[in-house]
Amino acid sequence: MFRDVKKEYGEHMLSLQEQDRERLAEELHDNIISQLNIIRLTINEKKPEELNVDLKRSMQMIRELSHNLTPPDLNEIDLADLIADYLVPINKNIEVIFHHLTIEIAISNPVKLNIFRIIQELITNILKHAEATRVDVSLRISLNYLMLTIEDNGRGFIIGNHSGGIGLRNVHSRAQKIKAIYKLKTKPEKGTKFIACMAIQ
């Protein structure tokens, strides 16, 4: 039985790694390479200061991608502070409100990492697709459960048309890994709300 569980865990980790590689390829192709191509095509038409702005934008995108792929130091920071630190630079692009009500209780590193990655996936989707001006992030931790809510005021979407996206597949896989249940509520022009809940063992 232990061998079967170990095998299943290994297969699940490989699946997550493959999805992360797909996401990296998508980000490189859709954002960074596209931005550099635009710079290449307009290099003779723009002023030096305009090119400098474009290059800085590309460098920032690469830094953000690198930050998203680098595992945070989970032993030295609690989950609420980890989320707050991540949201600080995001607040420069969109209004971010972070509410948290937590108690002093040990949260395992795998739970921290997967909750953090879920937030990254959802915030990335919001910035890329939602055309939102505000996002509210809420974290509640009690003796018995952890609840995460992320809500934006963007354009929303029809779930059936987007259920196969890499980001949402990653969210599903990571939620499964920590045995969290979640619900995604959205309608066109009505924003999107994500709610996840898991028992604290």
N, C-alpha and C. Protein backbone atom coordinates (compact mmCIF):
# COMPACT_ATOMS: atom_id res chain seq x y z
N MET A 1 0.83 -1.21 0.00
CA MET A 1 0.00 0.00 0.00
C MET A 1 0.87 1.25 0.00
N PHE A 2 1.92 1.26 0.87
CA PHE A 2 2.81 2.40 0.92
C PHE A 2 3.47 2.65 -0.43
N ARG A 3 3.84 1.55 -1.11
CA ARG A 3 4.48 1.66 -2.42
C ARG A 3 3.53 2.29 -3.43
N ASP A 4 2.25 1.93 -3.37
CA ASP A 4 1.26 2.49 -4.29
C ASP A 4 1.08 3.99 -4.05
N VAL A 5 1.04 4.37 -2.76
CA VAL A 5 0.89 5.79 -2.42
C VAL A 5 2.10 6.58 -2.89
N LYS A 6 3.29 6.01 -2.68
CA LYS A 6 4.52 6.67 -3.12
C LYS A 6 4.55 6.84 -4.63
N LYS A 7 4.11 5.79 -5.35
CA LYS A 7 4.07 5.86 -6.81
C LYS A 7 3.09 6.92 -7.28
N GLU A 8 1.91 6.96 -6.63
CA GLU A 8 0.90 7.94 -7.01
C GLU A 8 1.40 9.36 -6.76
N TYR A 9 2.09 9.55 -5.62
CA TYR A 9 2.65 10.87 -5.30
C TYR A 9 3.69 11.28 -6.34
N GLY A 10 4.55 10.33 -6.72
CA GLY A 10 5.57 10.64 -7.73
C GLY A 10 4.95 11.01 -9.06
N GLU A 11 3.92 10.28 -9.47
CA GLU A 11 3.24 10.59 -10.73
C GLU A 11 2.58 11.95 -10.68
N HIS A 12 2.02 12.27 -9.51
CA HIS A 12 1.37 13.58 -9.36
C HIS A 12 2.39 14.71 -9.45
N MET A 13 3.56 14.53 -8.83
CA MET A 13 4.60 15.54 -8.89
C MET A 13 5.09 15.74 -10.32
N LEU A 14 5.24 14.64 -11.06
CA LEU A 14 5.66 14.75 -12.46
C LEU A 14 4.63 15.51 -13.28
N SER A 15 3.34 15.27 -12.99
CA SER A 15 2.27 15.97 -13.69
C SER A 15 2.34 17.47 -13.42
N LEU A 16 2.56 17.84 -12.15
CA LEU A 16 2.67 19.26 -11.81
C LEU A 16 3.88 19.90 -12.49
N GLN A 17 4.99 19.19 -12.51
CA GLN A 17 6.20 19.72 -13.16
C GLN A 17 5.96 19.94 -14.65
N GLU A 18 5.26 19.00 -15.28
CA GLU A 18 4.98 19.13 -16.70
C GLU A 18 4.06 20.32 -16.97
N GLN A 19 3.08 20.52 -16.09
CA GLN A 19 2.18 21.67 -16.25
C GLN A 19 2.94 22.98 -16.05
N ASP A 20 3.89 22.99 -15.10
CA ASP A 20 4.71 24.19 -14.90
C ASP A 20 5.56 24.48 -16.14
N ARG A 21 6.07 23.42 -16.77
CA ARG A 21 6.85 23.62 -18.00
C ARG A 21 5.98 24.18 -19.12
N GLU A 22 4.74 23.68 -19.21
CA GLU A 22 3.81 24.20 -20.22
C GLU A 22 3.52 25.67 -19.97
N ARG A 23 3.32 26.00 -18.71
CA ARG A 23 3.04 27.40 -18.37
C ARG A 23 4.22 28.29 -18.70
N LEU A 24 5.45 27.81 -18.38
CA LEU A 24 6.65 28.58 -18.70
C LEU A 24 6.77 28.81 -20.20
N ALA A 25 6.52 27.76 -20.99
CA ALA A 25 6.59 27.89 -22.44
C ALA A 25 5.55 28.89 -22.95
N GLU A 26 4.35 28.82 -22.37
CA GLU A 26 3.28 29.73 -22.77
C GLU A 26 3.63 31.17 -22.45
N GLU A 27 4.17 31.40 -21.23
CA GLU A 27 4.55 32.75 -20.82
C GLU A 27 5.66 33.31 -21.71
N LEU A 28 6.66 32.46 -21.99
CA LEU A 28 7.78 32.90 -22.83
C LEU A 28 7.29 33.26 -24.23
N HIS A 29 6.42 32.41 -24.79
CA HIS A 29 5.95 32.62 -26.16
C HIS A 29 4.98 33.80 -26.25
N ASP A 30 3.98 33.82 -25.37
CA ASP A 30 2.91 34.81 -25.50
C ASP A 30 3.30 36.19 -25.03
N ASN A 31 4.19 36.27 -24.03
CA ASN A 31 4.49 37.57 -23.45
C ASN A 31 5.89 38.06 -23.78
N ILE A 32 6.89 37.33 -23.31
CA ILE A 32 8.26 37.85 -23.41
C ILE A 32 8.76 37.88 -24.85
N ILE A 33 8.60 36.76 -25.57
CA ILE A 33 9.08 36.73 -26.97
C ILE A 33 8.29 37.71 -27.83
N SER A 34 6.99 37.81 -27.60
CA SER A 34 6.18 38.76 -28.35
C SER A 34 6.65 40.19 -28.10
N GLN A 35 6.95 40.51 -26.84
CA GLN A 35 7.42 41.85 -26.50
C GLN A 35 8.77 42.13 -27.16
N LEU A 36 9.68 41.16 -27.15
CA LEU A 36 10.99 41.37 -27.77
C LEU A 36 10.87 41.48 -29.29
N ASN A 37 9.94 40.76 -29.90
CA ASN A 37 9.72 40.89 -31.34
C ASN A 37 9.23 42.28 -31.71
N ILE A 38 8.36 42.82 -30.88
CA ILE A 38 7.87 44.18 -31.13
C ILE A 38 9.03 45.17 -31.07
N ILE A 39 9.91 44.99 -30.07
CA ILE A 39 11.08 45.87 -29.96
C ILE A 39 11.95 45.75 -31.21
N ARG A 40 12.17 44.50 -31.66
CA ARG A 40 13.01 44.27 -32.84
C ARG A 40 12.43 44.94 -34.09
N LEU A 41 11.12 44.84 -34.25
CA LEU A 41 10.48 45.37 -35.45
C LEU A 41 10.40 46.89 -35.45
N THR A 42 10.42 47.49 -34.26
CA THR A 42 10.26 48.96 -34.18
C THR A 42 11.54 49.67 -33.76
N ILE A 43 12.66 48.95 -33.76
CA ILE A 43 13.89 49.51 -33.22
C ILE A 43 14.36 50.75 -33.99
N ASN A 44 14.05 50.82 -35.30
CA ASN A 44 14.48 51.97 -36.10
C ASN A 44 13.49 53.12 -36.09
N GLU A 45 12.32 52.87 -35.49
CA GLU A 45 11.27 53.88 -35.51
C GLU A 45 11.14 54.62 -34.18
N LYS A 46 11.63 54.03 -33.12
CA LYS A 46 11.41 54.62 -31.79
C LYS A 46 12.64 55.38 -31.31
N LYS A 47 12.36 56.33 -30.43
CA LYS A 47 13.44 57.09 -29.80
C LYS A 47 14.12 56.21 -28.75
N PRO A 48 15.38 56.52 -28.43
CA PRO A 48 16.11 55.71 -27.43
C PRO A 48 15.37 55.59 -26.11
N GLU A 49 14.75 56.69 -25.66
CA GLU A 49 14.06 56.61 -24.37
C GLU A 49 12.83 55.69 -24.43
N GLU A 50 12.16 55.63 -25.60
CA GLU A 50 11.02 54.73 -25.77
C GLU A 50 11.48 53.27 -25.77
N LEU A 51 12.60 53.00 -26.46
CA LEU A 51 13.15 51.65 -26.46
C LEU A 51 13.59 51.24 -25.06
N ASN A 52 14.13 52.20 -24.32
CA ASN A 52 14.55 51.91 -22.95
C ASN A 52 13.37 51.49 -22.08
N VAL A 53 12.25 52.15 -22.25
CA VAL A 53 11.03 51.79 -21.51
C VAL A 53 10.57 50.39 -21.88
N ASP A 54 10.58 50.10 -23.19
CA ASP A 54 10.16 48.77 -23.66
C ASP A 54 11.07 47.67 -23.11
N LEU A 55 12.38 47.93 -23.11
CA LEU A 55 13.33 46.93 -22.60
C LEU A 55 13.15 46.72 -21.10
N LYS A 56 12.90 47.81 -20.38
CA LYS A 56 12.67 47.68 -18.93
C LYS A 56 11.42 46.86 -18.65
N ARG A 57 10.40 47.06 -19.50
CA ARG A 57 9.16 46.29 -19.33
C ARG A 57 9.42 44.80 -19.55
N SER A 58 10.21 44.48 -20.59
CA SER A 58 10.54 43.08 -20.85
C SER A 58 11.36 42.48 -19.71
N MET A 59 12.30 43.25 -19.18
CA MET A 59 13.12 42.77 -18.07
C MET A 59 12.27 42.51 -16.84
N GLN A 60 11.28 43.38 -16.60
CA GLN A 60 10.39 43.18 -15.46
C GLN A 60 9.56 41.91 -15.61
N MET A 61 9.10 41.66 -16.84
CA MET A 61 8.33 40.44 -17.10
C MET A 61 9.18 39.20 -16.83
N ILE A 62 10.46 39.24 -17.23
CA ILE A 62 11.35 38.11 -16.98
C ILE A 62 11.60 37.93 -15.49
N ARG A 63 11.78 39.04 -14.77
CA ARG A 63 11.98 38.96 -13.32
C ARG A 63 10.76 38.35 -12.63
N GLU A 64 9.57 38.77 -13.06
CA GLU A 64 8.34 38.24 -12.45
C GLU A 64 8.20 36.74 -12.73
N LEU A 65 8.52 36.34 -13.96
CA LEU A 65 8.44 34.92 -14.30
C LEU A 65 9.43 34.12 -13.47
N SER A 66 10.65 34.63 -13.31
CA SER A 66 11.66 33.96 -12.50
C SER A 66 11.22 33.86 -11.05
N HIS A 67 10.64 34.94 -10.54
CA HIS A 67 10.15 34.94 -9.15
C HIS A 67 9.05 33.91 -8.97
N ASN A 68 8.17 33.79 -9.94
CA ASN A 68 7.06 32.84 -9.83
C ASN A 68 7.54 31.40 -9.84
N LEU A 69 8.67 31.13 -10.50
CA LEU A 69 9.16 29.76 -10.61
C LEU A 69 10.11 29.38 -9.47
N THR A 70 10.59 30.38 -8.72
CA THR A 70 11.53 30.11 -7.63
C THR A 70 10.77 29.79 -6.35
N PRO A 71 11.00 28.63 -5.74
CA PRO A 71 10.30 28.31 -4.50
C PRO A 71 10.64 29.31 -3.40
N PRO A 72 9.67 29.83 -2.69
CA PRO A 72 9.95 30.75 -1.59
C PRO A 72 10.54 30.02 -0.40
N ASP A 73 11.19 30.75 0.51
CA ASP A 73 11.74 30.15 1.73
C ASP A 73 10.60 29.98 2.73
N LEU A 74 10.06 28.79 2.78
CA LEU A 74 8.83 28.55 3.53
C LEU A 74 9.06 28.41 5.02
N ASN A 75 10.28 28.09 5.43
CA ASN A 75 10.54 27.85 6.85
C ASN A 75 10.61 29.14 7.65
N GLU A 76 10.91 30.23 6.99
CA GLU A 76 11.18 31.47 7.70
C GLU A 76 10.03 32.47 7.69
N ILE A 77 8.89 32.09 7.12
CA ILE A 77 7.80 33.06 6.98
C ILE A 77 6.46 32.34 7.08
N ASP A 78 5.48 33.00 7.72
CA ASP A 78 4.18 32.36 7.79
C ASP A 78 3.38 32.66 6.52
N LEU A 79 2.28 31.96 6.35
CA LEU A 79 1.56 32.01 5.08
C LEU A 79 1.02 33.41 4.79
N ALA A 80 0.47 34.07 5.79
CA ALA A 80 -0.10 35.41 5.56
C ALA A 80 0.97 36.40 5.11
N ASP A 81 2.15 36.35 5.73
CA ASP A 81 3.24 37.25 5.34
C ASP A 81 3.76 36.91 3.95
N LEU A 82 3.80 35.61 3.63
CA LEU A 82 4.24 35.18 2.31
C LEU A 82 3.33 35.76 1.22
N ILE A 83 2.03 35.68 1.46
CA ILE A 83 1.05 36.22 0.50
C ILE A 83 1.17 37.73 0.42
N ALA A 84 1.27 38.39 1.58
CA ALA A 84 1.36 39.85 1.60
C ALA A 84 2.58 40.34 0.82
N ASP A 85 3.72 39.68 1.00
CA ASP A 85 4.94 40.07 0.29
C ASP A 85 4.77 39.92 -1.22
N TYR A 86 4.10 38.85 -1.63
CA TYR A 86 3.88 38.62 -3.06
C TYR A 86 2.96 39.68 -3.66
N LEU A 87 1.97 40.13 -2.90
CA LEU A 87 0.97 41.06 -3.44
C LEU A 87 1.46 42.51 -3.51
N VAL A 88 2.53 42.83 -2.79
CA VAL A 88 3.02 44.22 -2.78
C VAL A 88 3.31 44.74 -4.19
N PRO A 89 4.15 44.07 -5.00
CA PRO A 89 4.40 44.59 -6.36
C PRO A 89 3.18 44.49 -7.27
N ILE A 90 2.29 43.51 -7.02
CA ILE A 90 1.08 43.38 -7.84
C ILE A 90 0.22 44.62 -7.68
N ASN A 91 0.26 45.22 -6.51
CA ASN A 91 -0.57 46.39 -6.19
C ASN A 91 -0.19 47.61 -7.04
N LYS A 92 0.95 47.54 -7.73
CA LYS A 92 1.33 48.64 -8.62
C LYS A 92 0.55 48.59 -9.92
N ASN A 93 0.04 47.42 -10.29
CA ASN A 93 -0.69 47.25 -11.55
C ASN A 93 -2.20 47.25 -11.37
N ILE A 94 -2.65 46.89 -10.19
CA ILE A 94 -4.08 46.75 -9.93
C ILE A 94 -4.29 46.93 -8.43
N GLU A 95 -5.44 47.48 -8.03
CA GLU A 95 -5.71 47.65 -6.61
C GLU A 95 -5.90 46.27 -5.97
N VAL A 96 -5.09 45.99 -4.94
CA VAL A 96 -5.16 44.70 -4.25
C VAL A 96 -5.49 44.94 -2.78
N ILE A 97 -6.54 44.32 -2.31
CA ILE A 97 -6.92 44.38 -0.91
C ILE A 97 -6.72 42.99 -0.30
N PHE A 98 -5.90 42.91 0.73
CA PHE A 98 -5.62 41.63 1.37
C PHE A 98 -6.14 41.64 2.80
N HIS A 99 -7.11 40.78 3.07
CA HIS A 99 -7.65 40.60 4.42
C HIS A 99 -7.16 39.26 4.95
N HIS A 100 -6.72 39.23 6.20
CA HIS A 100 -6.38 37.93 6.76
C HIS A 100 -6.74 37.89 8.25
N LEU A 101 -7.29 36.78 8.64
CA LEU A 101 -7.65 36.52 10.03
C LEU A 101 -7.11 35.14 10.36
N THR A 102 -6.00 35.11 11.04
CA THR A 102 -5.32 33.84 11.28
C THR A 102 -4.96 33.69 12.75
N ILE A 103 -4.73 32.46 13.15
CA ILE A 103 -4.26 32.18 14.51
C ILE A 103 -2.89 31.54 14.41
N GLU A 104 -2.19 31.49 15.55
CA GLU A 104 -0.87 30.87 15.59
C GLU A 104 -1.04 29.35 15.54
N ILE A 105 -0.87 28.80 14.37
CA ILE A 105 -0.98 27.36 14.20
C ILE A 105 -0.01 26.94 13.09
N ALA A 106 0.60 25.79 13.26
CA ALA A 106 1.59 25.32 12.28
C ALA A 106 0.90 24.91 10.98
N ILE A 107 1.39 25.47 9.88
CA ILE A 107 0.94 25.09 8.54
C ILE A 107 2.11 24.42 7.85
N SER A 108 1.91 23.23 7.33
CA SER A 108 3.01 22.49 6.72
C SER A 108 3.52 23.20 5.47
N ASN A 109 4.78 22.98 5.15
CA ASN A 109 5.38 23.61 3.96
C ASN A 109 4.67 23.21 2.66
N PRO A 110 4.27 21.94 2.47
CA PRO A 110 3.53 21.61 1.25
C PRO A 110 2.22 22.40 1.11
N VAL A 111 1.52 22.59 2.23
CA VAL A 111 0.28 23.38 2.17
C VAL A 111 0.60 24.83 1.83
N LYS A 112 1.60 25.40 2.49
CA LYS A 112 2.01 26.78 2.21
C LYS A 112 2.33 26.95 0.72
N LEU A 113 3.16 26.02 0.20
CA LEU A 113 3.61 26.15 -1.18
C LEU A 113 2.45 26.05 -2.16
N ASN A 114 1.56 25.10 -1.95
CA ASN A 114 0.46 24.91 -2.90
C ASN A 114 -0.58 26.03 -2.82
N ILE A 115 -0.85 26.53 -1.62
CA ILE A 115 -1.74 27.70 -1.49
C ILE A 115 -1.11 28.90 -2.20
N PHE A 116 0.18 29.09 -1.99
CA PHE A 116 0.90 30.21 -2.61
C PHE A 116 0.87 30.10 -4.14
N ARG A 117 1.10 28.89 -4.67
CA ARG A 117 1.09 28.70 -6.12
C ARG A 117 -0.31 28.89 -6.70
N ILE A 118 -1.34 28.47 -5.96
CA ILE A 118 -2.71 28.70 -6.41
C ILE A 118 -2.98 30.21 -6.54
N ILE A 119 -2.54 30.96 -5.54
CA ILE A 119 -2.72 32.42 -5.59
C ILE A 119 -1.99 33.00 -6.79
N GLN A 120 -0.75 32.55 -7.01
CA GLN A 120 0.01 33.05 -8.17
C GLN A 120 -0.72 32.77 -9.48
N GLU A 121 -1.23 31.56 -9.63
CA GLU A 121 -1.94 31.19 -10.86
C GLU A 121 -3.15 32.11 -11.07
N LEU A 122 -3.93 32.30 -10.02
CA LEU A 122 -5.16 33.08 -10.16
C LEU A 122 -4.87 34.55 -10.40
N ILE A 123 -3.88 35.10 -9.70
CA ILE A 123 -3.52 36.50 -9.91
C ILE A 123 -2.98 36.71 -11.33
N THR A 124 -2.17 35.76 -11.79
CA THR A 124 -1.65 35.84 -13.17
C THR A 124 -2.79 35.86 -14.18
N ASN A 125 -3.78 34.97 -13.99
CA ASN A 125 -4.94 34.94 -14.88
C ASN A 125 -5.71 36.25 -14.84
N ILE A 126 -5.86 36.82 -13.64
CA ILE A 126 -6.59 38.09 -13.51
C ILE A 126 -5.87 39.19 -14.27
N LEU A 127 -4.54 39.27 -14.09
CA LEU A 127 -3.77 40.33 -14.76
C LEU A 127 -3.78 40.17 -16.27
N LYS A 128 -3.77 38.91 -16.75
CA LYS A 128 -3.69 38.67 -18.18
C LYS A 128 -5.04 38.78 -18.89
N HIS A 129 -6.11 38.37 -18.22
CA HIS A 129 -7.37 38.19 -18.94
C HIS A 129 -8.57 38.97 -18.40
N ALA A 130 -8.57 39.32 -17.11
CA ALA A 130 -9.81 39.79 -16.49
C ALA A 130 -10.15 41.24 -16.78
N GLU A 131 -9.12 42.06 -17.11
CA GLU A 131 -9.34 43.50 -17.27
C GLU A 131 -9.97 44.09 -16.00
N ALA A 132 -9.53 43.58 -14.87
CA ALA A 132 -10.07 44.03 -13.58
C ALA A 132 -9.30 45.25 -13.09
N THR A 133 -9.95 46.02 -12.21
CA THR A 133 -9.28 47.16 -11.57
C THR A 133 -9.04 46.90 -10.09
N ARG A 134 -9.63 45.82 -9.58
CA ARG A 134 -9.48 45.52 -8.15
C ARG A 134 -9.58 44.01 -7.93
N VAL A 135 -8.77 43.55 -6.99
CA VAL A 135 -8.86 42.14 -6.58
C VAL A 135 -8.78 42.08 -5.05
N ASP A 136 -9.67 41.31 -4.47
CA ASP A 136 -9.70 41.11 -3.01
C ASP A 136 -9.23 39.70 -2.69
N VAL A 137 -8.24 39.61 -1.82
CA VAL A 137 -7.71 38.33 -1.38
C VAL A 137 -7.97 38.19 0.12
N SER A 138 -8.56 37.08 0.51
CA SER A 138 -8.88 36.86 1.92
C SER A 138 -8.35 35.50 2.37
N LEU A 139 -7.68 35.49 3.51
CA LEU A 139 -7.17 34.25 4.09
C LEU A 139 -7.67 34.14 5.52
N ARG A 140 -8.33 33.02 5.81
CA ARG A 140 -8.80 32.76 7.18
C ARG A 140 -8.25 31.41 7.63
N ILE A 141 -7.64 31.41 8.79
CA ILE A 141 -7.10 30.18 9.36
C ILE A 141 -7.59 30.04 10.79
N SER A 142 -8.28 28.95 11.07
CA SER A 142 -8.75 28.65 12.42
C SER A 142 -8.11 27.35 12.89
N LEU A 143 -8.54 26.86 14.03
CA LEU A 143 -8.01 25.59 14.52
C LEU A 143 -8.36 24.42 13.60
N ASN A 144 -9.48 24.56 12.87
CA ASN A 144 -9.99 23.42 12.11
C ASN A 144 -9.90 23.55 10.60
N TYR A 145 -9.79 24.76 10.08
CA TYR A 145 -9.82 24.89 8.62
C TYR A 145 -9.02 26.10 8.14
N LEU A 146 -8.70 26.05 6.86
CA LEU A 146 -8.08 27.18 6.15
C LEU A 146 -8.99 27.52 4.98
N MET A 147 -9.30 28.80 4.84
CA MET A 147 -10.15 29.23 3.73
C MET A 147 -9.48 30.38 2.98
N LEU A 148 -9.43 30.24 1.67
CA LEU A 148 -8.85 31.25 0.78
C LEU A 148 -9.92 31.74 -0.18
N THR A 149 -10.06 33.04 -0.31
CA THR A 149 -11.00 33.64 -1.26
C THR A 149 -10.27 34.68 -2.10
N ILE A 150 -10.46 34.60 -3.41
CA ILE A 150 -9.89 35.61 -4.33
C ILE A 150 -11.02 36.07 -5.24
N GLU A 151 -11.29 37.36 -5.25
CA GLU A 151 -12.41 37.89 -6.03
C GLU A 151 -11.95 39.13 -6.80
N ASP A 152 -12.32 39.19 -8.08
CA ASP A 152 -11.98 40.36 -8.88
C ASP A 152 -13.24 40.97 -9.48
N ASN A 153 -13.12 42.21 -9.95
CA ASN A 153 -14.26 42.91 -10.56
C ASN A 153 -14.13 42.96 -12.08
N GLY A 154 -13.46 41.96 -12.65
CA GLY A 154 -13.19 41.94 -14.09
C GLY A 154 -14.36 41.47 -14.92
N ARG A 155 -14.04 41.08 -16.15
CA ARG A 155 -15.09 40.79 -17.11
C ARG A 155 -15.69 39.40 -16.97
N GLY A 156 -15.07 38.53 -16.15
CA GLY A 156 -15.61 37.19 -15.98
C GLY A 156 -15.54 36.38 -17.26
N PHE A 157 -16.09 35.17 -17.21
CA PHE A 157 -16.07 34.31 -18.40
C PHE A 157 -17.04 33.16 -18.20
N ILE A 158 -17.27 32.41 -19.27
CA ILE A 158 -18.09 31.20 -19.19
C ILE A 158 -17.16 30.05 -18.87
N ILE A 159 -17.36 29.40 -17.72
CA ILE A 159 -16.42 28.40 -17.23
C ILE A 159 -16.17 27.29 -18.24
N GLY A 160 -17.19 26.82 -18.91
CA GLY A 160 -17.03 25.73 -19.87
C GLY A 160 -16.06 26.04 -20.99
N ASN A 161 -15.89 27.33 -21.31
CA ASN A 161 -15.00 27.73 -22.40
C ASN A 161 -13.54 27.84 -21.96
N HIS A 162 -13.30 27.79 -20.62
CA HIS A 162 -11.94 28.00 -20.14
C HIS A 162 -11.46 26.91 -19.20
N SER A 163 -12.23 25.86 -19.05
CA SER A 163 -11.91 24.85 -18.04
C SER A 163 -10.62 24.09 -18.34
N GLY A 164 -10.16 24.13 -19.61
CA GLY A 164 -8.96 23.37 -19.95
C GLY A 164 -7.69 24.18 -19.93
N GLY A 165 -7.73 25.44 -19.49
CA GLY A 165 -6.54 26.27 -19.48
C GLY A 165 -5.49 25.73 -18.52
N ILE A 166 -4.21 26.00 -18.87
CA ILE A 166 -3.11 25.51 -18.05
C ILE A 166 -3.22 26.02 -16.62
N GLY A 167 -3.53 27.31 -16.44
CA GLY A 167 -3.62 27.88 -15.11
C GLY A 167 -4.66 27.19 -14.25
N LEU A 168 -5.86 26.98 -14.80
CA LEU A 168 -6.92 26.34 -14.02
C LEU A 168 -6.62 24.87 -13.77
N ARG A 169 -5.93 24.21 -14.70
CA ARG A 169 -5.53 22.82 -14.45
C ARG A 169 -4.52 22.75 -13.31
N ASN A 170 -3.62 23.71 -13.25
CA ASN A 170 -2.65 23.76 -12.16
C ASN A 170 -3.34 23.99 -10.82
N VAL A 171 -4.33 24.89 -10.81
CA VAL A 171 -5.09 25.15 -9.59
C VAL A 171 -5.76 23.86 -9.12
N HIS A 172 -6.39 23.15 -10.05
CA HIS A 172 -7.08 21.90 -9.71
C HIS A 172 -6.10 20.87 -9.14
N SER A 173 -4.94 20.72 -9.78
CA SER A 173 -3.95 19.74 -9.31
C SER A 173 -3.42 20.08 -7.93
N ARG A 174 -3.16 21.36 -7.71
CA ARG A 174 -2.61 21.76 -6.42
C ARG A 174 -3.65 21.67 -5.31
N ALA A 175 -4.89 21.96 -5.64
CA ALA A 175 -5.96 21.81 -4.64
C ALA A 175 -6.12 20.34 -4.26
N GLN A 176 -6.06 19.47 -5.25
CA GLN A 176 -6.14 18.03 -4.97
C GLN A 176 -5.00 17.58 -4.07
N LYS A 177 -3.82 18.09 -4.32
CA LYS A 177 -2.63 17.66 -3.59
C LYS A 177 -2.75 17.93 -2.09
N ILE A 178 -3.42 19.02 -1.71
CA ILE A 178 -3.56 19.34 -0.29
C ILE A 178 -4.97 19.04 0.22
N LYS A 179 -5.73 18.30 -0.60
CA LYS A 179 -7.09 17.87 -0.24
C LYS A 179 -8.00 19.07 0.08
N ALA A 180 -7.88 20.09 -0.73
CA ALA A 180 -8.74 21.27 -0.59
C ALA A 180 -9.90 21.16 -1.58
N ILE A 181 -11.06 21.59 -1.15
CA ILE A 181 -12.19 21.70 -2.06
C ILE A 181 -12.32 23.16 -2.48
N TYR A 182 -12.74 23.39 -3.72
CA TYR A 182 -12.82 24.77 -4.16
C TYR A 182 -14.00 24.95 -5.11
N LYS A 183 -14.37 26.20 -5.27
CA LYS A 183 -15.46 26.56 -6.18
C LYS A 183 -15.07 27.84 -6.91
N LEU A 184 -15.35 27.87 -8.19
CA LEU A 184 -15.10 29.05 -9.02
C LEU A 184 -16.43 29.58 -9.51
N LYS A 185 -16.75 30.81 -9.14
CA LYS A 185 -18.02 31.42 -9.51
C LYS A 185 -17.74 32.61 -10.43
N THR A 186 -18.30 32.59 -11.63
CA THR A 186 -18.07 33.69 -12.56
C THR A 186 -19.16 33.74 -13.61
N LYS A 187 -19.39 34.94 -14.11
CA LYS A 187 -20.29 35.17 -15.24
C LYS A 187 -19.71 36.30 -16.07
N PRO A 188 -19.97 36.30 -17.39
CA PRO A 188 -19.48 37.41 -18.20
C PRO A 188 -19.90 38.77 -17.63
N GLU A 189 -18.93 39.66 -17.51
CA GLU A 189 -19.12 41.03 -17.00
C GLU A 189 -19.50 41.08 -15.53
N LYS A 190 -19.36 39.97 -14.80
CA LYS A 190 -19.75 39.95 -13.38
C LYS A 190 -18.57 39.61 -12.47
N GLY A 191 -17.36 39.60 -13.01
CA GLY A 191 -16.21 39.29 -12.18
C GLY A 191 -16.10 37.79 -11.91
N THR A 192 -15.10 37.44 -11.11
CA THR A 192 -14.82 36.05 -10.79
C THR A 192 -14.51 35.93 -9.31
N LYS A 193 -15.02 34.87 -8.71
CA LYS A 193 -14.76 34.61 -7.28
C LYS A 193 -14.31 33.16 -7.11
N PHE A 194 -13.17 33.00 -6.47
CA PHE A 194 -12.61 31.67 -6.19
C PHE A 194 -12.62 31.47 -4.68
N ILE A 195 -13.16 30.33 -4.23
CA ILE A 195 -13.19 29.99 -2.81
C ILE A 195 -12.62 28.60 -2.63
N ALA A 196 -11.63 28.47 -1.75
CA ALA A 196 -11.06 27.15 -1.44
C ALA A 196 -11.04 26.95 0.06
N CYS A 197 -11.29 25.72 0.46
CA CYS A 197 -11.33 25.40 1.88
C CYS A 197 -10.67 24.04 2.10
N MET A 198 -9.90 23.93 3.16
CA MET A 198 -9.29 22.65 3.49
C MET A 198 -9.24 22.49 5.01
N ALA A 199 -9.34 21.25 5.45
CA ALA A 199 -9.25 20.95 6.87
C ALA A 199 -7.78 21.02 7.30
N ILE A 200 -7.54 21.52 8.49
CA ILE A 200 -6.20 21.55 9.06
C ILE A 200 -6.03 20.32 9.93
N GLN A 201 -5.10 19.47 9.56
CA GLN A 201 -4.93 18.19 10.26
C GLN A 201 -3.95 18.32 11.40
